[in-house]
N, C-alpha and C. Protein backbone atom coordinates (compact mmCIF):
# COMPACT_ATOMS: atom_id res chain seq x y z
N MET A 1 -16.20 24.29 38.18
CA MET A 1 -15.48 22.96 37.19
C MET A 1 -16.71 22.74 36.30
N GLN A 2 -17.89 22.71 36.57
CA GLN A 2 -18.95 22.13 35.87
C GLN A 2 -19.55 23.06 34.53
N GLY A 3 -19.57 22.12 33.56
CA GLY A 3 -19.99 22.73 32.12
C GLY A 3 -18.78 23.17 31.33
N LYS A 4 -17.45 23.12 32.10
CA LYS A 4 -16.23 23.35 31.02
C LYS A 4 -15.77 21.88 30.60
N SER A 5 -15.01 22.18 29.24
CA SER A 5 -14.38 21.02 28.75
C SER A 5 -13.11 21.10 29.03
N PHE A 6 -12.44 20.15 29.34
CA PHE A 6 -10.73 19.80 29.44
C PHE A 6 -10.27 19.02 28.51
N LYS A 7 -9.06 19.31 27.80
CA LYS A 7 -8.57 18.44 26.88
C LYS A 7 -7.48 17.92 27.59
N LEU A 8 -7.16 16.63 27.37
CA LEU A 8 -5.91 16.00 28.37
C LEU A 8 -4.96 15.12 27.10
N ARG A 9 -3.82 14.90 27.18
CA ARG A 9 -3.14 14.36 26.33
C ARG A 9 -3.72 13.06 25.66
N GLU A 10 -4.59 12.37 25.84
CA GLU A 10 -5.10 11.50 25.29
C GLU A 10 -6.14 11.96 24.22
N GLN A 11 -6.35 13.08 24.04
CA GLN A 11 -7.53 13.72 23.23
C GLN A 11 -8.89 13.43 23.84
N ALA A 12 -9.24 13.26 24.93
CA ALA A 12 -10.30 12.71 25.38
C ALA A 12 -10.89 13.88 25.99
N ILE A 13 -12.23 14.24 25.56
CA ILE A 13 -12.63 15.40 26.11
C ILE A 13 -13.50 15.27 27.48
N ILE A 14 -13.22 15.87 28.35
CA ILE A 14 -13.87 15.51 29.69
C ILE A 14 -14.83 16.74 29.94
N THR A 15 -16.08 16.20 30.40
CA THR A 15 -16.71 17.62 30.72
C THR A 15 -17.11 17.40 32.62
N LYS A 16 -17.10 16.27 32.87
CA LYS A 16 -17.30 15.88 34.26
C LYS A 16 -16.07 16.02 35.20
N PRO A 17 -16.14 16.33 36.80
CA PRO A 17 -15.01 16.34 37.33
C PRO A 17 -14.71 14.84 37.82
N HIS A 18 -15.31 13.70 37.81
CA HIS A 18 -15.04 12.21 37.92
C HIS A 18 -14.46 11.51 36.82
N GLU A 19 -14.69 12.23 35.70
CA GLU A 19 -14.16 11.62 34.74
C GLU A 19 -12.34 12.14 34.44
N ILE A 20 -12.28 13.25 35.18
CA ILE A 20 -10.83 13.15 35.10
C ILE A 20 -10.08 12.27 35.90
N SER A 21 -10.28 11.89 36.99
CA SER A 21 -9.53 11.04 37.79
C SER A 21 -9.36 9.67 36.93
N SER A 22 -10.43 9.27 36.25
CA SER A 22 -10.01 8.02 35.54
C SER A 22 -9.49 7.99 34.35
N VAL A 23 -9.38 9.18 33.83
CA VAL A 23 -8.19 9.55 32.56
C VAL A 23 -6.81 9.40 33.08
N LEU A 24 -6.41 10.18 34.44
CA LEU A 24 -5.48 10.29 35.17
C LEU A 24 -5.12 9.20 35.46
N LEU A 25 -5.89 8.02 36.04
CA LEU A 25 -5.30 6.97 36.25
C LEU A 25 -4.86 6.04 35.16
N ARG A 26 -5.55 6.29 34.13
CA ARG A 26 -4.97 5.54 32.96
C ARG A 26 -3.60 6.20 32.23
N SER A 27 -3.47 7.11 32.61
CA SER A 27 -2.17 8.36 32.07
C SER A 27 -1.05 7.46 33.18
N ALA A 28 -1.45 7.51 34.36
CA ALA A 28 -0.45 7.09 35.48
C ALA A 28 -0.04 5.52 35.21
N ALA A 29 -1.07 4.91 34.86
CA ALA A 29 -0.83 3.46 34.47
C ALA A 29 0.30 3.13 33.29
N SER A 30 -0.06 3.71 32.08
CA SER A 30 0.68 3.84 31.15
C SER A 30 2.16 4.28 31.50
N MET A 31 2.37 5.58 32.17
CA MET A 31 3.51 5.81 32.55
C MET A 31 4.52 4.81 33.51
N ALA A 32 3.48 4.23 34.36
CA ALA A 32 4.17 3.14 35.24
C ALA A 32 4.79 1.82 34.53
N SER A 33 3.91 1.65 33.38
CA SER A 33 4.19 0.20 32.99
C SER A 33 5.74 0.58 32.08
N GLY A 34 6.21 1.70 31.92
CA GLY A 34 7.49 2.20 31.25
C GLY A 34 7.40 2.01 29.78
N ARG A 35 6.36 2.36 29.17
CA ARG A 35 6.07 2.27 27.79
C ARG A 35 6.93 3.93 27.23
N LYS A 36 7.39 3.57 26.31
CA LYS A 36 8.34 4.87 25.63
C LYS A 36 7.58 5.09 24.63
N LYS A 37 7.71 6.45 24.21
CA LYS A 37 7.19 7.14 22.92
C LYS A 37 7.88 6.62 21.68
N ARG A 38 6.94 6.53 20.89
CA ARG A 38 7.61 5.85 19.62
C ARG A 38 8.40 6.54 18.85
N ARG A 39 9.58 6.19 18.33
CA ARG A 39 10.55 6.86 18.10
C ARG A 39 10.76 6.31 16.46
N THR A 40 10.36 7.12 15.33
CA THR A 40 10.45 6.90 14.07
C THR A 40 12.03 6.85 13.70
N GLU A 41 12.84 7.17 14.39
CA GLU A 41 14.34 6.95 13.78
C GLU A 41 14.96 5.76 14.03
N GLU A 42 14.08 4.95 15.16
CA GLU A 42 14.45 3.61 15.34
C GLU A 42 13.81 2.43 14.43
N GLU A 43 12.94 3.14 13.20
CA GLU A 43 12.00 2.07 12.71
C GLU A 43 12.89 1.77 11.19
N ASN A 44 14.02 2.46 11.24
CA ASN A 44 14.79 1.92 9.86
C ASN A 44 14.39 1.89 8.43
N ARG A 45 13.45 3.32 8.50
CA ARG A 45 12.75 3.46 7.41
C ARG A 45 13.76 3.90 6.35
N LYS A 46 13.54 3.64 5.21
CA LYS A 46 14.20 3.78 3.64
C LYS A 46 13.52 4.66 2.92
N PHE A 47 14.13 5.25 1.94
CA PHE A 47 13.35 6.01 0.72
C PHE A 47 13.39 4.98 -0.11
N HIS A 48 12.42 4.69 -0.90
CA HIS A 48 12.06 3.46 -1.88
C HIS A 48 12.20 4.53 -3.24
N GLN A 49 12.99 3.89 -4.21
CA GLN A 49 13.29 4.89 -5.57
C GLN A 49 11.97 5.09 -6.31
N ASP A 50 10.94 3.97 -6.17
CA ASP A 50 9.82 4.11 -6.89
C ASP A 50 8.76 5.26 -6.40
N TRP A 51 9.17 5.92 -5.51
CA TRP A 51 8.20 6.95 -4.83
C TRP A 51 8.81 8.17 -5.61
N LYS A 52 10.12 8.20 -6.20
CA LYS A 52 10.46 9.33 -7.09
C LYS A 52 9.32 9.69 -7.89
N GLU A 53 9.01 8.19 -8.79
CA GLU A 53 8.23 8.70 -10.04
C GLU A 53 6.83 8.76 -9.77
N SER A 54 6.49 8.17 -8.52
CA SER A 54 5.26 8.03 -8.07
C SER A 54 4.34 9.44 -7.69
N PHE A 55 5.73 9.99 -6.63
CA PHE A 55 4.97 11.33 -5.97
C PHE A 55 5.84 12.68 -6.21
N ALA A 56 6.85 12.48 -7.22
CA ALA A 56 7.99 13.56 -7.70
C ALA A 56 8.89 13.93 -6.42
N PHE A 57 9.29 12.76 -5.56
CA PHE A 57 10.12 13.33 -4.45
C PHE A 57 11.56 12.41 -4.64
N ILE A 58 12.55 13.32 -4.09
CA ILE A 58 13.87 12.65 -4.13
C ILE A 58 14.46 12.71 -2.63
N TYR A 59 15.22 12.06 -2.31
CA TYR A 59 15.90 11.81 -0.89
C TYR A 59 17.40 12.70 -1.36
N ASN A 60 17.21 13.86 -0.52
CA ASN A 60 18.60 14.88 -0.71
C ASN A 60 19.62 14.54 0.25
N ARG A 61 20.79 15.54 0.10
CA ARG A 61 21.78 14.95 0.45
C ARG A 61 21.64 15.28 2.32
N ASP A 62 21.05 16.19 2.61
CA ASP A 62 20.53 16.16 3.80
C ASP A 62 19.73 14.99 4.80
N GLY A 63 19.52 14.19 3.93
CA GLY A 63 18.61 13.06 4.47
C GLY A 63 17.23 13.34 4.67
N LEU A 64 16.57 14.53 3.80
CA LEU A 64 15.31 14.50 3.88
C LEU A 64 14.54 14.18 2.44
N GLN A 65 13.20 14.12 2.61
CA GLN A 65 12.68 14.05 1.16
C GLN A 65 12.43 15.26 0.78
N THR A 66 12.60 15.72 -0.43
CA THR A 66 12.26 17.05 -1.28
C THR A 66 11.25 16.61 -2.32
N CYS A 67 10.41 17.54 -2.01
CA CYS A 67 9.44 17.37 -3.52
C CYS A 67 9.91 17.84 -4.77
N LEU A 68 10.34 17.62 -5.76
CA LEU A 68 10.58 18.28 -7.00
C LEU A 68 9.86 19.30 -7.71
N ILE A 69 8.34 19.50 -7.10
CA ILE A 69 7.63 20.34 -7.87
C ILE A 69 7.95 21.64 -6.95
N CYS A 70 7.72 21.58 -5.71
CA CYS A 70 7.59 22.84 -4.67
C CYS A 70 8.97 22.99 -3.81
N HIS A 71 9.71 22.08 -4.17
CA HIS A 71 10.89 22.02 -3.32
C HIS A 71 10.61 22.02 -1.62
N GLU A 72 9.67 21.42 -1.23
CA GLU A 72 9.34 21.39 0.59
C GLU A 72 10.06 19.92 0.73
N LYS A 73 10.38 19.99 1.82
CA LYS A 73 11.08 19.21 2.43
C LYS A 73 10.09 18.26 3.58
N LEU A 74 9.93 17.17 3.55
CA LEU A 74 9.35 16.51 4.27
C LEU A 74 10.30 15.50 5.42
N VAL A 75 10.10 15.52 6.78
CA VAL A 75 10.85 14.92 7.84
C VAL A 75 10.95 13.51 7.87
N HIS A 76 9.72 12.78 8.11
CA HIS A 76 9.20 11.43 8.33
C HIS A 76 9.25 10.72 6.91
N ASN A 77 10.04 9.62 6.92
CA ASN A 77 10.31 8.65 5.57
C ASN A 77 9.04 7.81 5.61
N LYS A 78 8.02 8.50 5.15
CA LYS A 78 6.80 7.53 5.22
C LYS A 78 6.08 7.64 3.73
N LYS A 79 5.50 6.53 3.37
CA LYS A 79 4.85 6.83 2.01
C LYS A 79 3.79 7.43 1.98
N SER A 80 3.17 7.13 3.21
CA SER A 80 1.60 8.20 3.50
C SER A 80 1.97 9.55 3.45
N ASN A 81 3.01 10.05 3.84
CA ASN A 81 3.19 11.66 3.92
C ASN A 81 3.27 12.16 2.43
N LEU A 82 4.16 11.31 1.80
CA LEU A 82 4.61 11.84 0.62
C LEU A 82 3.41 11.70 -0.08
N GLU A 83 2.37 10.74 -0.10
CA GLU A 83 1.53 10.56 -0.86
C GLU A 83 0.31 11.55 -0.60
N ARG A 84 0.24 11.96 0.66
CA ARG A 84 -0.82 13.06 1.08
C ARG A 84 -0.19 14.38 0.67
N HIS A 85 1.17 14.31 0.63
CA HIS A 85 1.76 15.94 0.01
C HIS A 85 1.42 15.93 -1.41
N PHE A 86 1.77 15.02 -2.02
CA PHE A 86 1.50 14.86 -3.73
C PHE A 86 -0.03 15.18 -3.92
N ILE A 87 -0.94 14.45 -3.17
CA ILE A 87 -2.32 14.60 -3.79
C ILE A 87 -3.11 15.77 -2.95
N THR A 88 -2.63 16.50 -2.17
CA THR A 88 -3.30 17.71 -1.87
C THR A 88 -2.65 19.00 -2.46
N LYS A 89 -1.17 19.03 -2.55
CA LYS A 89 -0.67 20.33 -3.17
C LYS A 89 -0.67 19.87 -4.77
N HIS A 90 -0.62 18.79 -5.43
CA HIS A 90 -0.26 18.67 -7.07
C HIS A 90 -0.96 17.98 -7.54
N ILE A 91 -2.24 18.16 -7.46
CA ILE A 91 -3.29 17.22 -7.93
C ILE A 91 -3.49 17.66 -9.38
N GLN A 92 -2.87 18.84 -9.87
CA GLN A 92 -3.05 19.34 -11.29
C GLN A 92 -2.04 18.36 -12.06
N PHE A 93 -0.71 18.48 -11.42
CA PHE A 93 0.46 17.68 -12.00
C PHE A 93 0.09 16.28 -12.15
N ALA A 94 -0.76 15.65 -11.24
CA ALA A 94 -1.04 14.26 -11.33
C ALA A 94 -2.33 14.01 -12.38
N GLY A 95 -3.02 14.93 -12.90
CA GLY A 95 -4.14 14.73 -13.69
C GLY A 95 -3.16 15.12 -15.12
N LYS A 96 -2.21 15.90 -14.93
CA LYS A 96 -1.54 16.28 -16.42
C LYS A 96 -0.76 15.16 -16.77
N TYR A 97 0.03 14.67 -15.93
CA TYR A 97 0.77 13.29 -16.22
C TYR A 97 0.41 12.09 -15.19
N PRO A 98 -0.43 11.36 -16.20
CA PRO A 98 -0.68 10.29 -15.26
C PRO A 98 0.25 9.36 -15.14
N THR A 99 0.11 8.06 -14.36
CA THR A 99 1.43 7.13 -13.83
C THR A 99 1.93 6.55 -15.52
N GLY A 100 3.06 6.44 -15.34
CA GLY A 100 3.64 6.09 -16.68
C GLY A 100 4.82 6.47 -17.26
N GLU A 101 4.83 6.21 -18.30
CA GLU A 101 6.20 6.95 -19.07
C GLU A 101 5.96 8.54 -18.88
N GLU A 102 5.09 9.14 -19.12
CA GLU A 102 4.78 10.60 -19.22
C GLU A 102 5.06 11.27 -17.82
N ARG A 103 4.93 10.70 -16.48
CA ARG A 103 5.18 11.11 -15.52
C ARG A 103 6.89 10.74 -15.28
N LYS A 104 7.03 9.59 -15.99
CA LYS A 104 8.58 9.36 -15.63
C LYS A 104 9.48 10.40 -16.31
N LYS A 105 9.08 10.75 -17.45
CA LYS A 105 9.87 11.68 -18.24
C LYS A 105 9.44 13.15 -17.32
N ALA A 106 8.34 13.73 -17.18
CA ALA A 106 8.04 14.62 -16.44
C ALA A 106 8.93 14.81 -14.93
N VAL A 107 9.04 13.93 -14.37
CA VAL A 107 9.81 13.52 -13.10
C VAL A 107 11.37 13.87 -13.41
N GLU A 108 11.71 13.18 -14.37
CA GLU A 108 13.33 13.51 -14.76
C GLU A 108 13.53 14.85 -15.28
N GLU A 109 12.61 15.36 -15.90
CA GLU A 109 12.71 16.73 -16.55
C GLU A 109 12.98 17.67 -14.90
N LEU A 110 12.33 17.48 -14.07
CA LEU A 110 12.12 18.43 -13.15
C LEU A 110 13.28 17.81 -12.09
N GLN A 111 13.93 16.99 -12.10
CA GLN A 111 15.22 16.75 -11.14
C GLN A 111 16.03 17.32 -11.88
N LYS A 112 16.20 17.22 -13.19
CA LYS A 112 17.33 17.96 -14.24
C LYS A 112 17.27 19.43 -13.78
N ASN A 113 15.91 19.88 -13.83
CA ASN A 113 15.96 21.41 -13.73
C ASN A 113 16.44 21.79 -12.17
N SER A 114 16.32 20.89 -11.35
CA SER A 114 16.37 21.24 -9.66
C SER A 114 18.08 20.84 -9.36
N ASN A 115 18.66 20.01 -10.29
CA ASN A 115 19.70 19.95 -10.56
C ASN A 115 20.79 20.97 -10.74
N SER A 116 20.44 21.57 -11.97
CA SER A 116 21.12 22.62 -12.29
C SER A 116 20.81 24.01 -11.78
N GLN A 117 20.02 23.86 -10.63
CA GLN A 117 19.69 25.01 -10.08
C GLN A 117 20.39 25.28 -8.44
N ILE A 118 21.23 23.95 -8.30
CA ILE A 118 21.95 23.86 -7.01
C ILE A 118 23.19 24.36 -7.36
N PRO A 119 23.99 25.14 -6.46
CA PRO A 119 25.19 25.82 -6.91
C PRO A 119 26.13 24.60 -6.32
N CYS A 120 27.34 24.70 -6.78
CA CYS A 120 28.45 23.60 -6.89
C CYS A 120 29.31 24.08 -5.45
């Protein structure tokens, strides 16, 4: 076991056998305390309409946030996820249409085009 690294659920990197027991004890203590995993469905997150103009996302019929530019769907309703998607994948759009009336018109046009592509 010496010289090998092990990864556990807490993302701790363990290189010595005596470190394994301390991490396992911490894990067992948290399980014994009855802590549950955090569930985002119970946090009552809602889609904000200003995200449509800021990040070119809409809230579709399936309850998912959909990018108007690339039509990718995001599951978790968090501003940080929408912002990260927009910044990493659509930086050219952000440069071409800075915030304000230009972006608002561009997003409305994208939404109009995406609505016309959906079959009734």
